[in-house]
Amino acid sequence: MTLNLFRSIAAALVLALAAPASAEDGSGFPQIVGTWHGTYLVAFAKSNPNHEKGLLQTEMELEVTKLDGNLITATNRWRRIGDKEWIVEEAMGTFSLDDPTRFVLAEAGISGDDVSAGIFNGVYLDDVIMVTYVGPGTGVAFAAQLVKKDSNN
């Protein structure tokens, strides 16, 4: 019993003296580099030319290509289910400094007719990325749950 108490106190002391996670050294942030995939329904505002199509089933691949401390570099590819061509958009973002499981990405379109600019609010929990997206300029919104693609696919 005394040995367990001593071990608990020693562990608490080590944790108290350890340097806190910081954006500068990249520690404390999830290592999410890789390709994440999921499907979702996308909704359009009445002013969006796609509004009359209703809710569209869509798939996306969020490829996180680089982490620099808390900064995230990513490419988002998405397409409506049944389409062959991907719409490609670049994104830059950051993990939250007060909650390292949460992040935000700002996206800008680079290819295709349907590109938009918008914001992803995301959270990484239990090896899943959950994102909520809003495109205020085009009136687009969705939420998606993304899982990491197997590197063999």
Protein backbone atom coordinates (compact mmCIF):
# COMPACT_ATOMS: atom_id res chain seq x y z
CA MET A 1 0.00 0.00 0.00
CA THR A 2 2.81 2.40 0.91
CA LEU A 3 4.62 1.50 -2.32
CA ASN A 4 1.50 2.30 -4.39
CA LEU A 5 1.07 5.62 -2.57
CA PHE A 6 4.74 6.48 -3.21
CA ARG A 7 4.37 5.60 -6.91
CA SER A 8 1.24 7.78 -7.18
CA ILE A 9 2.98 10.73 -5.57
CA ALA A 10 6.05 10.26 -7.80
CA ALA A 11 3.88 10.11 -10.93
CA ALA A 12 2.00 13.25 -9.90
CA LEU A 13 5.31 15.05 -9.28
CA VAL A 14 6.67 14.05 -12.70
CA LEU A 15 3.50 15.29 -14.40
CA ALA A 16 3.60 18.56 -12.45
CA LEU A 17 7.20 19.23 -13.46
CA ALA A 18 6.79 18.23 -17.11
CA ALA A 19 6.72 21.07 -19.61
CA PRO A 20 3.19 21.89 -20.77
CA ALA A 21 2.22 21.24 -24.37
CA SER A 22 2.72 24.22 -26.63
CA ALA A 23 2.08 25.21 -30.20
CA GLU A 24 5.78 25.89 -30.74
CA ASP A 25 6.94 22.31 -30.27
CA GLY A 26 3.87 20.55 -31.69
CA SER A 27 3.33 18.42 -28.63
CA GLY A 28 -0.11 17.78 -27.29
CA PHE A 29 -1.87 17.93 -30.66
CA PRO A 30 -3.28 14.83 -32.37
CA GLN A 31 -1.14 13.50 -35.18
CA ILE A 32 -3.86 13.51 -37.85
CA VAL A 33 -1.67 13.45 -40.98
CA GLY A 34 -3.29 11.10 -43.48
CA THR A 35 -6.43 10.80 -45.57
CA TRP A 36 -9.83 10.81 -43.88
CA HIS A 37 -13.03 9.73 -45.66
CA GLY A 38 -16.76 9.97 -45.06
CA THR A 39 -20.17 10.55 -46.63
CA TYR A 40 -22.77 13.13 -45.67
CA LEU A 41 -25.83 15.06 -46.80
CA VAL A 42 -25.22 18.61 -47.97
CA ALA A 43 -27.84 21.36 -47.79
CA PHE A 44 -28.04 24.52 -49.90
CA ALA A 45 -29.55 27.94 -49.24
CA LYS A 46 -32.31 29.09 -51.62
CA SER A 47 -29.86 31.49 -53.32
CA ASN A 48 -27.52 28.61 -54.21
CA PRO A 49 -28.03 27.26 -57.77
CA ASN A 50 -28.04 23.71 -56.34
CA HIS A 51 -30.94 24.44 -53.96
CA GLU A 52 -33.55 22.89 -56.25
CA LYS A 53 -31.64 19.60 -56.23
CA GLY A 54 -32.50 19.20 -52.53
CA LEU A 55 -30.19 17.45 -50.13
CA LEU A 56 -27.36 15.76 -51.96
CA GLN A 57 -25.48 12.69 -50.77
CA THR A 58 -21.79 13.53 -50.99
CA GLU A 59 -18.44 12.00 -50.13
CA MET A 60 -15.21 13.66 -49.13
CA GLU A 61 -11.57 12.91 -48.56
CA LEU A 62 -9.78 15.28 -46.22
CA GLU A 63 -6.06 14.79 -46.71
CA VAL A 64 -4.07 16.33 -43.89
CA THR A 65 -0.65 16.74 -45.46
CA LYS A 66 1.32 18.60 -42.81
CA LEU A 67 1.31 19.63 -39.15
CA ASP A 68 3.55 22.42 -37.91
CA GLY A 69 2.89 22.54 -34.17
CA ASN A 70 -0.76 23.53 -34.02
CA LEU A 71 -0.96 24.56 -37.71
CA ILE A 72 -2.68 22.21 -40.18
CA THR A 73 -2.24 22.04 -43.97
CA ALA A 74 -4.85 20.00 -45.84
CA THR A 75 -6.50 19.28 -49.18
CA ASN A 76 -10.23 18.58 -49.33
CA ARG A 77 -11.59 16.51 -52.21
CA TRP A 78 -15.34 15.99 -52.49
CA ARG A 79 -17.92 14.82 -55.00
CA ARG A 80 -21.55 13.96 -55.15
CA ILE A 81 -22.23 10.23 -54.95
CA GLY A 82 -22.19 8.92 -58.53
CA ASP A 83 -19.91 11.67 -59.90
CA LYS A 84 -16.49 10.65 -61.17
CA GLU A 85 -14.61 13.96 -60.86
CA TRP A 86 -13.47 15.33 -57.50
CA ILE A 87 -13.77 19.00 -56.56
CA VAL A 88 -10.44 19.97 -54.97
CA GLU A 89 -10.01 22.67 -52.35
CA GLU A 90 -7.07 23.70 -50.19
CA ALA A 91 -7.33 24.35 -46.48
CA MET A 92 -5.20 25.83 -43.73
CA GLY A 93 -6.10 25.70 -40.09
CA THR A 94 -5.13 25.42 -36.48
CA PHE A 95 -5.77 23.32 -33.44
CA SER A 96 -7.29 25.20 -30.52
CA LEU A 97 -4.72 26.13 -27.89
CA ASP A 98 -7.16 25.53 -25.03
CA ASP A 99 -8.56 22.20 -26.31
CA PRO A 100 -6.10 20.26 -28.49
CA THR A 101 -8.83 17.95 -29.80
CA ARG A 102 -10.61 20.85 -31.56
CA PHE A 103 -9.54 22.57 -34.76
CA VAL A 104 -10.73 24.95 -37.45
CA LEU A 105 -9.86 24.93 -41.18
CA ALA A 106 -10.39 27.74 -43.69
CA GLU A 107 -10.94 26.40 -47.19
CA ALA A 108 -10.54 27.96 -50.64
CA GLY A 109 -11.46 26.25 -53.92
CA ILE A 110 -8.86 25.52 -56.57
CA SER A 111 -10.62 23.27 -59.13
CA GLY A 112 -14.04 22.53 -60.55
CA ASP A 113 -17.20 24.54 -61.15
CA ASP A 114 -18.61 24.09 -57.66
CA VAL A 115 -15.74 25.37 -55.53
CA SER A 116 -16.50 27.46 -52.49
CA ALA A 117 -14.79 29.05 -49.56
CA GLY A 118 -15.86 28.07 -46.09
CA ILE A 119 -14.97 27.06 -42.57
CA PHE A 120 -14.65 23.60 -41.04
CA ASN A 121 -15.06 23.33 -37.28
CA GLY A 122 -13.69 19.97 -36.25
CA VAL A 123 -12.97 17.69 -33.36
CA TYR A 124 -10.73 14.61 -33.22
CA LEU A 125 -12.02 11.94 -30.84
CA ASP A 126 -11.37 8.22 -30.66
CA ASP A 127 -9.63 8.03 -34.05
CA VAL A 128 -12.52 9.84 -35.79
CA ILE A 129 -12.66 13.38 -37.17
CA MET A 130 -16.05 15.05 -36.94
CA VAL A 131 -16.50 18.27 -38.92
CA THR A 132 -19.21 20.84 -39.36
CA TYR A 133 -18.87 22.98 -42.49
CA VAL A 134 -20.41 26.31 -43.43
CA GLY A 135 -19.89 28.16 -46.69
CA PRO A 136 -21.39 31.57 -45.94
CA GLY A 137 -20.82 32.99 -49.42
CA THR A 138 -22.58 30.11 -51.18
CA GLY A 139 -25.04 29.01 -48.52
CA VAL A 140 -23.76 25.46 -48.03
CA ALA A 141 -23.79 23.48 -44.78
CA PHE A 142 -23.12 19.91 -43.68
CA ALA A 143 -21.72 17.75 -40.91
CA ALA A 144 -19.60 14.66 -41.52
CA GLN A 145 -17.85 11.95 -39.61
CA LEU A 146 -14.51 10.97 -41.18
CA VAL A 147 -12.44 7.86 -40.59
CA LYS A 148 -8.84 7.37 -41.59
CA LYS A 149 -8.39 5.49 -44.84
CA ASP A 150 -6.22 2.41 -44.77
CA SER A 151 -2.87 3.24 -46.36
CA ASN A 152 -3.31 0.17 -48.59
CA ASN A 153 -6.37 1.72 -50.34
